C-alpha atoms as a PDB file:
ATOM      1  CA  MET A   1     193.949 164.586  79.179  1.00  0.00           C
ATOM      2  CA  THR A   2     194.232 162.518  76.006  1.00  0.00           C
ATOM      3  CA  ALA A   3     191.511 160.121  74.872  1.00  0.00           C
ATOM      4  CA  VAL A   4     193.840 157.223  75.672  1.00  0.00           C
ATOM      5  CA  ASP A   5     194.396 158.476  79.218  1.00  0.00           C
ATOM      6  CA  PHE A   6     190.684 159.023  79.745  1.00  0.00           C
ATOM      7  CA  HIS A   7     189.942 155.550  78.381  1.00  0.00           C
ATOM      8  CA  GLU A   8     192.272 154.101  81.022  1.00  0.00           C
ATOM      9  CA  ARG A   9     190.662 156.170  83.804  1.00  0.00           C
ATOM     10  CA  LEU A  10     187.231 155.045  82.657  1.00  0.00           C
ATOM     11  CA  PHE A  11     188.339 151.408  82.642  1.00  0.00           C
ATOM     12  CA  ALA A  12     189.547 151.742  86.227  1.00  0.00           C
ATOM     13  CA  GLY A  13     186.425 153.594  87.346  1.00  0.00           C
ATOM     14  CA  LEU A  14     184.144 150.954  85.891  1.00  0.00           C
ATOM     15  CA  GLY A  15     185.960 148.238  87.802  1.00  0.00           C
ATOM     16  CA  GLY A  16     188.635 146.883  85.520  1.00  0.00           C
ATOM     17  CA  ALA A  17     188.767 143.839  83.296  1.00  0.00           C
ATOM     18  CA  TRP A  18     185.690 141.837  82.405  1.00  0.00           C
ATOM     19  CA  PRO A  19     185.915 138.055  82.807  1.00  0.00           C
ATOM     20  CA  GLU A  20     186.726 135.770  79.915  1.00  0.00           C
ATOM     21  CA  PRO A  21     183.445 134.924  78.161  1.00  0.00           C
ATOM     22  CA  CYS A  22     181.808 131.721  79.257  1.00  0.00           C
ATOM     23  CA  GLU A  23     179.810 129.516  76.912  1.00  0.00           C
ATOM     24  CA  LEU A  24     176.586 131.165  75.780  1.00  0.00           C
ATOM     25  CA  LYS A  25     174.546 127.947  76.168  1.00  0.00           C
ATOM     26  CA  PRO A  26     171.510 129.323  74.302  1.00  0.00           C
ATOM     27  CA  ARG A  27     168.164 127.739  75.221  1.00  0.00           C
ATOM     28  CA  LEU A  28     164.987 128.291  73.226  1.00  0.00           C
ATOM     29  CA  ARG A  29     161.757 128.550  75.195  1.00  0.00           C
ATOM     30  CA  GLU A  30     159.216 129.148  72.459  1.00  0.00           C
ATOM     31  CA  THR A  31     158.743 130.629  69.010  1.00  0.00           C
ATOM     32  CA  ILE A  32     155.936 133.076  68.275  1.00  0.00           C
ATOM     33  CA  GLN A  33     155.097 133.759  64.633  1.00  0.00           C
ATOM     34  CA  LYS A  34     154.075 137.339  63.914  1.00  0.00           C
ATOM     35  CA  GLN A  35     153.156 139.056  60.674  1.00  0.00           C
ATOM     36  CA  GLY A  36     156.426 139.453  58.794  1.00  0.00           C
ATOM     37  CA  TYR A  37     158.738 138.114  61.533  1.00  0.00           C
ATOM     38  CA  ARG A  38     159.051 135.552  64.300  1.00  0.00           C
ATOM     39  CA  ILE A  39     159.965 136.026  67.949  1.00  0.00           C
ATOM     40  CA  GLU A  40     162.208 133.494  69.672  1.00  0.00           C
ATOM     41  CA  SER A  41     161.961 133.605  73.458  1.00  0.00           C
ATOM     42  CA  LEU A  42     165.266 132.329  74.806  1.00  0.00           C
ATOM     43  CA  PHE A  43     168.068 132.436  77.356  1.00  0.00           C
ATOM     44  CA  TYR A  44     171.833 132.694  77.003  1.00  0.00           C
ATOM     45  CA  ASP A  45     174.496 132.943  79.695  1.00  0.00           C
ATOM     46  CA  ALA A  46     176.216 136.224  80.533  1.00  0.00           C
ATOM     47  CA  GLU A  47     178.279 134.582  83.272  1.00  0.00           C
ATOM     48  CA  PRO A  48     178.135 131.137  84.875  1.00  0.00           C
ATOM     49  CA  GLU A  49     174.865 130.910  86.802  1.00  0.00           C
ATOM     50  CA  ASP A  50     173.657 134.187  85.283  1.00  0.00           C
ATOM     51  CA  SER A  51     171.270 133.670  82.396  1.00  0.00           C
ATOM     52  CA  ILE A  52     169.809 136.535  80.395  1.00  0.00           C
ATOM     53  CA  PRO A  53     166.216 136.223  79.173  1.00  0.00           C
ATOM     54  CA  ALA A  54     165.862 137.770  75.721  1.00  0.00           C
ATOM     55  CA  LEU A  55     163.593 138.009  72.704  1.00  0.00           C
ATOM     56  CA  LEU A  56     165.045 137.593  69.222  1.00  0.00           C
ATOM     57  CA  LEU A  57     163.062 138.992  66.289  1.00  0.00           C
ATOM     58  CA  VAL A  58     163.892 137.423  62.920  1.00  0.00           C
ATOM     59  CA  PRO A  59     162.275 138.857  59.766  1.00  0.00           C
ATOM     60  CA  ASP A  60     160.610 136.435  57.369  1.00  0.00           C
ATOM     61  CA  GLY A  61     163.010 135.629  54.561  1.00  0.00           C
ATOM     62  CA  VAL A  62     166.129 136.204  56.657  1.00  0.00           C
ATOM     63  CA  THR A  63     167.903 132.856  56.948  1.00  0.00           C
ATOM     64  CA  ALA A  64     171.380 131.381  57.259  1.00  0.00           C
ATOM     65  CA  ALA A  65     171.469 131.373  53.456  1.00  0.00           C
ATOM     66  CA  ARG A  66     170.252 134.975  53.316  1.00  0.00           C
ATOM     67  CA  PRO A  67     171.509 136.640  56.514  1.00  0.00           C
ATOM     68  CA  GLY A  68     170.731 140.215  57.500  1.00  0.00           C
ATOM     69  CA  PRO A  69     172.291 142.890  59.689  1.00  0.00           C
ATOM     70  CA  GLY A  70     171.616 142.743  63.409  1.00  0.00           C
ATOM     71  CA  ILE A  71     170.636 145.309  66.032  1.00  0.00           C
ATOM     72  CA  CYS A  72     170.598 145.040  69.832  1.00  0.00           C
ATOM     73  CA  VAL A  73     167.850 147.120  71.448  1.00  0.00           C
ATOM     74  CA  TRP A  74     168.404 148.233  75.042  1.00  0.00           C
ATOM     75  CA  HIS A  75     165.108 148.944  76.810  1.00  0.00           C
ATOM     76  CA  GLN A  76     164.268 152.003  78.903  1.00  0.00           C
ATOM     77  CA  HIS A  77     164.018 152.358  82.692  1.00  0.00           C
ATOM     78  CA  ALA A  78     160.988 154.605  83.321  1.00  0.00           C
ATOM     79  CA  GLY A  79     160.819 153.454  86.952  1.00  0.00           C
ATOM     80  CA  GLN A  80     158.941 150.372  85.722  1.00  0.00           C
ATOM     81  CA  TRP A  81     160.966 147.328  86.689  1.00  0.00           C
ATOM     82  CA  ASN A  82     158.220 144.942  85.557  1.00  0.00           C
ATOM     83  CA  LYS A  83     158.970 145.724  81.915  1.00  0.00           C
ATOM     84  CA  GLY A  84     162.146 145.230  79.954  1.00  0.00           C
ATOM     85  CA  LYS A  85     162.644 143.276  76.729  1.00  0.00           C
ATOM     86  CA  SER A  86     158.916 142.849  76.101  1.00  0.00           C
ATOM     87  CA  GLU A  87     158.306 146.520  75.296  1.00  0.00           C
ATOM     88  CA  PRO A  88     160.708 146.938  72.346  1.00  0.00           C
ATOM     89  CA  ALA A  89     159.711 143.438  71.177  1.00  0.00           C
ATOM     90  CA  GLY A  90     156.108 144.662  70.907  1.00  0.00           C
ATOM     91  CA  LEU A  91     154.630 142.337  73.530  1.00  0.00           C
ATOM     92  CA  GLY A  92     152.881 145.067  75.472  1.00  0.00           C
ATOM     93  CA  PHE A  93     153.327 148.445  77.139  1.00  0.00           C
ATOM     94  CA  ASN A  94     153.831 151.647  75.095  1.00  0.00           C
ATOM     95  CA  PRO A  95     153.550 151.231  71.304  1.00  0.00           C
ATOM     96  CA  MET A  96     155.866 154.262  70.920  1.00  0.00           C
ATOM     97  CA  HIS A  97     158.688 152.019  72.077  1.00  0.00           C
ATOM     98  CA  HIS A  98     157.935 148.922  69.992  1.00  0.00           C
ATOM     99  CA  THR A  99     161.186 149.743  68.243  1.00  0.00           C
ATOM    100  CA  GLY A 100     162.417 146.178  67.910  1.00  0.00           C
ATOM    101  CA  VAL A 101     159.337 145.349  65.859  1.00  0.00           C
ATOM    102  CA  ALA A 102     159.832 148.415  63.670  1.00  0.00           C
ATOM    103  CA  LEU A 103     163.460 147.435  63.020  1.00  0.00           C
ATOM    104  CA  ALA A 104     162.553 143.804  62.275  1.00  0.00           C
ATOM    105  CA  ARG A 105     160.096 145.063  59.684  1.00  0.00           C
ATOM    106  CA  GLU A 106     162.985 146.997  58.128  1.00  0.00           C
ATOM    107  CA  GLY A 107     164.874 143.716  57.668  1.00  0.00           C
ATOM    108  CA  TYR A 108     167.105 143.639  60.761  1.00  0.00           C
ATOM    109  CA  VAL A 109     167.524 140.697  63.113  1.00  0.00           C
ATOM    110  CA  VAL A 110     166.798 142.298  66.494  1.00  0.00           C
ATOM    111  CA  LEU A 111     167.809 141.138  69.970  1.00  0.00           C
ATOM    112  CA  CYS A 112     165.954 142.558  72.986  1.00  0.00           C
ATOM    113  CA  PRO A 113     167.465 141.384  76.310  1.00  0.00           C
ATOM    114  CA  ASP A 114     166.395 142.148  79.866  1.00  0.00           C
ATOM    115  CA  ALA A 115     168.726 144.449  81.785  1.00  0.00           C
ATOM    116  CA  LEU A 116     169.689 143.479  85.319  1.00  0.00           C
ATOM    117  CA  CYS A 117     166.812 144.230  87.775  1.00  0.00           C
ATOM    118  CA  PHE A 118     164.129 144.360  85.054  1.00  0.00           C
ATOM    119  CA  GLU A 119     161.271 142.075  83.983  1.00  0.00           C
ATOM    120  CA  GLU A 120     162.618 138.514  84.464  1.00  0.00           C
ATOM    121  CA  ARG A 121     165.874 139.629  86.117  1.00  0.00           C
ATOM    122  CA  GLN A 122     164.432 140.807  89.417  1.00  0.00           C
ATOM    123  CA  ASP A 123     165.416 139.511  92.866  1.00  0.00           C
ATOM    124  CA  PRO A 124     165.366 135.695  92.655  1.00  0.00           C
ATOM    125  CA  THR A 125     164.880 135.496  96.426  1.00  0.00           C
ATOM    126  CA  GLY A 126     161.808 137.722  96.329  1.00  0.00           C
ATOM    127  CA  LYS A 127     163.088 139.708  99.327  1.00  0.00           C
ATOM    128  CA  LEU A 128     163.588 143.018  97.512  1.00  0.00           C
ATOM    129  CA  LYS A 129     161.308 144.669  95.013  1.00  0.00           C
ATOM    130  CA  ASP A 130     161.861 147.101  92.169  1.00  0.00           C
ATOM    131  CA  ALA A 131     163.886 150.164  93.254  1.00  0.00           C
ATOM    132  CA  ALA A 132     165.114 148.417  96.405  1.00  0.00           C
ATOM    133  CA  TYR A 133     166.589 145.544  94.426  1.00  0.00           C
ATOM    134  CA  GLU A 134     168.205 147.887  91.899  1.00  0.00           C
ATOM    135  CA  ARG A 135     169.761 149.891  94.729  1.00  0.00           C
ATOM    136  CA  TYR A 136     170.985 146.689  96.369  1.00  0.00           C
ATOM    137  CA  MET A 137     172.641 145.491  93.146  1.00  0.00           C
ATOM    138  CA  PHE A 138     174.287 148.872  92.543  1.00  0.00           C
ATOM    139  CA  LEU A 139     175.765 148.830  96.056  1.00  0.00           C
ATOM    140  CA  LYS A 140     176.798 145.185  95.726  1.00  0.00           C
ATOM    141  CA  TYR A 141     178.934 146.028  92.706  1.00  0.00           C
ATOM    142  CA  VAL A 142     180.356 149.135  94.407  1.00  0.00           C
ATOM    143  CA  VAL A 143     181.634 147.198  97.412  1.00  0.00           C
ATOM    144  CA  ASP A 144     183.075 144.637  94.987  1.00  0.00           C
ATOM    145  CA  GLY A 145     185.146 147.466  93.488  1.00  0.00           C
ATOM    146  CA  LYS A 146     183.018 147.785  90.382  1.00  0.00           C
ATOM    147  CA  CYS A 147     179.741 149.538  89.500  1.00  0.00           C
ATOM    148  CA  MET A 148     176.410 148.800  87.851  1.00  0.00           C
ATOM    149  CA  ALA A 149     177.727 150.118  84.525  1.00  0.00           C
ATOM    150  CA  TRP A 150     180.491 147.480  84.598  1.00  0.00           C
ATOM    151  CA  LYS A 151     177.874 144.724  84.794  1.00  0.00           C
ATOM    152  CA  ASN A 152     175.624 146.369  82.205  1.00  0.00           C
ATOM    153  CA  ILE A 153     178.531 146.578  79.755  1.00  0.00           C
ATOM    154  CA  LEU A 154     179.440 142.940  80.370  1.00  0.00           C
ATOM    155  CA  ASP A 155     175.836 141.918  79.658  1.00  0.00           C
ATOM    156  CA  MET A 156     175.647 144.037  76.508  1.00  0.00           C
ATOM    157  CA  ARG A 157     178.877 142.559  75.169  1.00  0.00           C
ATOM    158  CA  ARG A 158     177.366 139.133  75.735  1.00  0.00           C
ATOM    159  CA  ALA A 159     174.297 140.245  73.806  1.00  0.00           C
ATOM    160  CA  VAL A 160     176.564 141.061  70.873  1.00  0.00           C
ATOM    161  CA  ASP A 161     178.265 137.679  71.321  1.00  0.00           C
ATOM    162  CA  PHE A 162     174.889 135.997  71.022  1.00  0.00           C
ATOM    163  CA  LEU A 163     173.721 138.063  68.067  1.00  0.00           C
ATOM    164  CA  VAL A 164     176.847 137.418  66.000  1.00  0.00           C
ATOM    165  CA  SER A 165     176.623 133.699  66.834  1.00  0.00           C
ATOM    166  CA  ARG A 166     173.364 133.452  64.916  1.00  0.00           C
ATOM    167  CA  ARG A 167     173.743 132.226  61.356  1.00  0.00           C
ATOM    168  CA  GLU A 168     170.954 134.570  60.219  1.00  0.00           C
ATOM    169  CA  VAL A 169     173.091 137.583  61.185  1.00  0.00           C
ATOM    170  CA  GLN A 170     175.847 139.320  59.230  1.00  0.00           C
ATOM    171  CA  ALA A 171     178.421 139.610  61.989  1.00  0.00           C
ATOM    172  CA  GLU A 172     180.205 142.556  60.370  1.00  0.00           C
ATOM    173  CA  ARG A 173     176.987 144.630  60.274  1.00  0.00           C
ATOM    174  CA  ILE A 174     175.847 145.048  63.892  1.00  0.00           C
ATOM    175  CA  GLY A 175     174.281 148.079  65.565  1.00  0.00           C
ATOM    176  CA  CYS A 176     172.453 149.031  68.738  1.00  0.00           C
ATOM    177  CA  TYR A 177     169.657 151.393  69.756  1.00  0.00           C
ATOM    178  CA  GLY A 178     168.261 152.550  73.083  1.00  0.00           C
ATOM    179  CA  HIS A 179     165.844 155.089  74.528  1.00  0.00           C
ATOM    180  CA  SER A 180     166.394 156.786  77.909  1.00  0.00           C
ATOM    181  CA  MET A 181     168.383 154.303  80.031  1.00  0.00           C
ATOM    182  CA  GLY A 182     168.823 152.408  76.774  1.00  0.00           C
ATOM    183  CA  SER A 183     170.549 155.480  75.364  1.00  0.00           C
ATOM    184  CA  THR A 184     172.873 155.522  78.381  1.00  0.00           C
ATOM    185  CA  PHE A 185     173.580 151.858  77.653  1.00  0.00           C
ATOM    186  CA  THR A 186     174.433 152.800  74.066  1.00  0.00           C
ATOM    187  CA  TRP A 187     177.170 155.308  74.902  1.00  0.00           C
ATOM    188  CA  LEU A 188     178.369 153.139  77.804  1.00  0.00           C
ATOM    189  CA  VAL A 189     178.968 150.019  75.726  1.00  0.00           C
ATOM    190  CA  GLY A 190     180.188 151.792  72.596  1.00  0.00           C
ATOM    191  CA  PRO A 191     183.814 152.358  73.691  1.00  0.00           C
ATOM    192  CA  TRP A 192     184.151 148.688  74.695  1.00  0.00           C
ATOM    193  CA  GLU A 193     182.433 146.900  71.834  1.00  0.00           C
ATOM    194  CA  PRO A 194     184.081 147.492  68.429  1.00  0.00           C
ATOM    195  CA  ARG A 195     181.712 145.036  66.755  1.00  0.00           C
ATOM    196  CA  LEU A 196     178.993 147.687  67.074  1.00  0.00           C
ATOM    197  CA  LYS A 197     179.414 149.575  63.804  1.00  0.00           C
ATOM    198  CA  CYS A 198     176.387 151.866  64.161  1.00  0.00           C
ATOM    199  CA  LEU A 199     174.915 153.217  67.413  1.00  0.00           C
ATOM    200  CA  VAL A 200     171.836 155.349  68.126  1.00  0.00           C
ATOM    201  CA  GLY A 201     170.788 156.825  71.469  1.00  0.00           C
ATOM    202  CA  ASN A 202     167.454 158.546  72.051  1.00  0.00           C
ATOM    203  CA  CYS A 203     166.895 161.109  74.816  1.00  0.00           C
ATOM    204  CA  CYS A 204     169.619 160.616  77.393  1.00  0.00           C
ATOM    205  CA  LEU A 205     172.949 162.362  77.901  1.00  0.00           C
ATOM    206  CA  PRO A 206     172.838 163.534  81.518  1.00  0.00           C
ATOM    207  CA  THR A 207     176.167 165.090  82.400  1.00  0.00           C
ATOM    208  CA  TYR A 208     177.557 164.942  85.909  1.00  0.00           C
ATOM    209  CA  ALA A 209     177.812 168.732  85.801  1.00  0.00           C
ATOM    210  CA  GLY A 210     174.078 168.924  85.070  1.00  0.00           C
ATOM    211  CA  ILE A 211     173.165 166.235  87.600  1.00  0.00           C
ATOM    212  CA  HIS A 212     175.030 168.077  90.363  1.00  0.00           C
ATOM    213  CA  ARG A 213     173.691 171.503  89.390  1.00  0.00           C
ATOM    214  CA  GLU A 214     170.060 170.360  89.214  1.00  0.00           C
ATOM    215  CA  HIS A 215     170.234 167.813  92.072  1.00  0.00           C
ATOM    216  CA  MET A 216     168.955 165.098  89.758  1.00  0.00           C
ATOM    217  CA  LEU A 217     168.401 161.445  90.615  1.00  0.00           C
ATOM    218  CA  HIS A 218     169.259 159.336  87.602  1.00  0.00           C
ATOM    219  CA  CYS A 219     169.607 155.683  86.597  1.00  0.00           C
ATOM    220  CA  PHE A 220     172.407 153.869  88.431  1.00  0.00           C
ATOM    221  CA  PRO A 221     174.272 152.940  85.200  1.00  0.00           C
ATOM    222  CA  ASN A 222     175.111 156.625  84.746  1.00  0.00           C
ATOM    223  CA  PHE A 223     177.331 156.699  87.826  1.00  0.00           C
ATOM    224  CA  ILE A 224     180.947 155.584  87.412  1.00  0.00           C
ATOM    225  CA  PRO A 225     183.054 156.082  90.549  1.00  0.00           C
ATOM    226  CA  GLY A 226     185.985 158.458  90.358  1.00  0.00           C
ATOM    227  CA  ILE A 227     185.545 159.503  86.736  1.00  0.00           C
ATOM    228  CA  PHE A 228     184.238 163.079  87.018  1.00  0.00           C
ATOM    229  CA  PRO A 229     187.645 164.657  87.863  1.00  0.00           C
ATOM    230  CA  TYR A 230     188.851 163.460  84.464  1.00  0.00           C
ATOM    231  CA  GLY A 231     185.835 163.744  82.178  1.00  0.00           C
ATOM    232  CA  ASP A 232     182.073 163.700  81.828  1.00  0.00           C
ATOM    233  CA  THR A 233     179.540 161.534  80.044  1.00  0.00           C
ATOM    234  CA  PRO A 234     180.066 163.190  76.611  1.00  0.00           C
ATOM    235  CA  ASP A 235     183.745 162.276  76.902  1.00  0.00           C
ATOM    236  CA  ILE A 236     182.645 158.643  77.250  1.00  0.00           C
ATOM    237  CA  ALA A 237     180.484 158.922  74.132  1.00  0.00           C
ATOM    238  CA  GLY A 238     183.395 160.520  72.291  1.00  0.00           C
ATOM    239  CA  LEU A 239     185.403 157.321  72.729  1.00  0.00           C
ATOM    240  CA  ILE A 240     183.067 155.626  70.238  1.00  0.00           C
ATOM    241  CA  ALA A 241     184.738 157.559  67.399  1.00  0.00           C
ATOM    242  CA  PRO A 242     185.242 156.787  64.543  1.00  0.00           C
ATOM    243  CA  ARG A 243     182.261 154.404  64.479  1.00  0.00           C
ATOM    244  CA  ALA A 244     178.861 155.800  63.459  1.00  0.00           C
ATOM    245  CA  LEU A 245     176.930 157.463  66.319  1.00  0.00           C
ATOM    246  CA  HIS A 246     173.640 159.377  66.215  1.00  0.00           C
ATOM    247  CA  LEU A 247     171.936 160.983  69.236  1.00  0.00           C
ATOM    248  CA  ASN A 248     168.397 162.390  69.484  1.00  0.00           C
ATOM    249  CA  PHE A 249     167.236 164.828  72.161  1.00  0.00           C
ATOM    250  CA  GLY A 250     164.095 166.662  73.217  1.00  0.00           C
ATOM    251  CA  GLU A 251     164.648 170.351  73.914  1.00  0.00           C
ATOM    252  CA  THR A 252     162.505 170.300  77.065  1.00  0.00           C
ATOM    253  CA  ASP A 253     163.629 166.895  78.393  1.00  0.00           C
ATOM    254  CA  GLY A 254     164.258 167.498  82.094  1.00  0.00           C
ATOM    255  CA  GLY A 255     166.464 164.435  82.390  1.00  0.00           C
ATOM    256  CA  SER A 256     169.058 165.917  80.022  1.00  0.00           C
ATOM    257  CA  PRO A 257     169.236 169.715  80.487  1.00  0.00           C
ATOM    258  CA  ILE A 258     169.542 171.162  77.012  1.00  0.00           C
ATOM    259  CA  ASP A 259     172.432 173.515  77.799  1.00  0.00           C
ATOM    260  CA  GLU A 260     174.462 170.520  78.973  1.00  0.00           C
ATOM    261  CA  VAL A 261     173.391 168.546  75.905  1.00  0.00           C
ATOM    262  CA  ARG A 262     174.638 171.300  73.591  1.00  0.00           C
ATOM    263  CA  ARG A 263     177.993 171.409  75.355  1.00  0.00           C
ATOM    264  CA  GLY A 264     178.119 167.629  75.234  1.00  0.00           C
ATOM    265  CA  ILE A 265     177.505 167.624  71.482  1.00  0.00           C
ATOM    266  CA  GLU A 266     180.475 169.964  71.064  1.00  0.00           C
ATOM    267  CA  THR A 267     182.656 167.590  73.103  1.00  0.00           C
ATOM    268  CA  ILE A 268     181.634 164.559  71.053  1.00  0.00           C
ATOM    269  CA  SER A 269     182.050 166.487  67.804  1.00  0.00           C
ATOM    270  CA  ARG A 270     185.620 167.382  68.732  1.00  0.00           C
ATOM    271  CA  ALA A 271     186.367 163.715  69.412  1.00  0.00           C
ATOM    272  CA  TYR A 272     185.118 162.755  65.956  1.00  0.00           C
ATOM    273  CA  GLN A 273     186.971 165.637  64.319  1.00  0.00           C
ATOM    274  CA  SER A 274     190.194 164.514  66.001  1.00  0.00           C
ATOM    275  CA  VAL A 275     190.065 161.221  64.074  1.00  0.00           C
ATOM    276  CA  HIS A 276     188.721 162.798  60.856  1.00  0.00           C
ATOM    277  CA  ALA A 277     185.325 161.104  61.215  1.00  0.00           C
ATOM    278  CA  GLU A 278     183.072 164.165  61.303  1.00  0.00           C
ATOM    279  CA  ASP A 279     180.553 162.511  58.982  1.00  0.00           C
ATOM    280  CA  ARG A 280     180.071 159.622  61.425  1.00  0.00           C
ATOM    281  CA  PHE A 281     178.593 161.669  64.264  1.00  0.00           C
ATOM    282  CA  SER A 282     175.105 163.109  63.924  1.00  0.00           C
ATOM    283  CA  TRP A 283     172.658 164.664  66.365  1.00  0.00           C
ATOM    284  CA  PHE A 284     169.167 166.127  66.443  1.00  0.00           C
ATOM    285  CA  ILE A 285     167.411 168.322  69.016  1.00  0.00           C
ATOM    286  CA  GLU A 286     163.643 168.502  68.532  1.00  0.00           C
ATOM    287  CA  PRO A 287     162.184 171.859  69.655  1.00  0.00           C
ATOM    288  CA  ALA A 288     159.462 171.947  72.328  1.00  0.00           C
ATOM    289  CA  THR A 289     159.756 168.193  72.861  1.00  0.00           C
ATOM    290  CA  GLY A 290     160.335 166.239  76.047  1.00  0.00           C
ATOM    291  CA  HIS A 291     161.431 162.728  76.940  1.00  0.00           C
ATOM    292  CA  LEU A 292     159.924 160.687  74.138  1.00  0.00           C
ATOM    293  CA  LEU A 293     160.523 159.081  70.754  1.00  0.00           C
ATOM    294  CA  SER A 294     158.948 161.345  68.142  1.00  0.00           C
ATOM    295  CA  GLU A 295     158.260 160.521  64.504  1.00  0.00           C
ATOM    296  CA  GLU A 296     161.179 162.706  63.422  1.00  0.00           C
ATOM    297  CA  MET A 297     163.499 161.101  65.968  1.00  0.00           C
ATOM    298  CA  TRP A 298     162.544 157.676  64.678  1.00  0.00           C
ATOM    299  CA  LYS A 299     162.976 158.727  61.052  1.00  0.00           C
ATOM    300  CA  ARG A 300     166.515 159.873  61.801  1.00  0.00           C
ATOM    301  CA  THR A 301     167.195 156.648  63.705  1.00  0.00           C
ATOM    302  CA  ARG A 302     165.948 154.487  60.848  1.00  0.00           C
ATOM    303  CA  ASP A 303     167.855 156.510  58.248  1.00  0.00           C
ATOM    304  CA  TRP A 304     171.099 156.298  60.263  1.00  0.00           C
ATOM    305  CA  PHE A 305     170.886 152.520  60.438  1.00  0.00           C
ATOM    306  CA  ALA A 306     170.039 152.300  56.748  1.00  0.00           C
ATOM    307  CA  LYS A 307     173.046 154.449  55.887  1.00  0.00           C
ATOM    308  CA  HIS A 308     175.589 152.645  58.049  1.00  0.00           C
ATOM    309  CA  LEU A 309     174.286 149.060  58.164  1.00  0.00           C
ATOM    310  CA  ASN A 310     172.768 149.135  54.682  1.00  0.00           C
ATOM    311  CA  PRO A 311     170.208 146.297  54.866  1.00  0.00           C
ATOM    312  CA  ALA A 312     169.693 144.437  51.613  1.00  0.00           C
END
């Protein structure tokens, strides 16, 4: 199957066309000044009647007159629905994942939105909690002929819409980063968002072959109906070519069996080779390391963004 054919199958499996973008209608809640950057707590609309809470980190000295590159950070899952945007924005939880703060200190304008079902995007009725609400939303999209990944991609594209609308941001220099579920988000959105020029995923490339072999339960965004007869998750990531993509992995990460990861890397590499963009795909497997963001993983992440987004 050609990449074009697989792209069409993936489009159908996700649920087909996304709606025409509505107005963003950004609303600022508050501004928090931090050392070296400020945080704007805000909302913007993904769809009518569907607002996304987000945190925007703007480095000191980055202005409309002196704009900088922008990066969207997709938060992890971790079975902790009470946390979302606040962790990468440095407002609590695990300092390992205060990646939005680290990027802001490197000179990037960083947007950290809540994913559906997390932090401020939990059940508005209060009837369902945590995993139950996530399961409900996954099934809701399935019976509508779509899937959770379809909605996640729509929301991420709206995040890019918002980021490029900001005068402090250089719209031609946009990237994204995610750990765990955030890494899944990275290779999910990549084929559908050409404005993302540089993408980094940390610790997540679970193949359907590996999921079935190991009887693994994984995040709902990983599951796209009807796609496995035609390709696997590395084939999705391969559609990002020729734009810059880097993936980090831990050798002992149980969520992404390393034999499947190695085969997946070969698949993605072939996709980049087919469009003569070998130098725009990079990967790193850290020995004896599990599901985490190590110092070396972060160094490679930071260096990849510096190389391909080139902050002033």
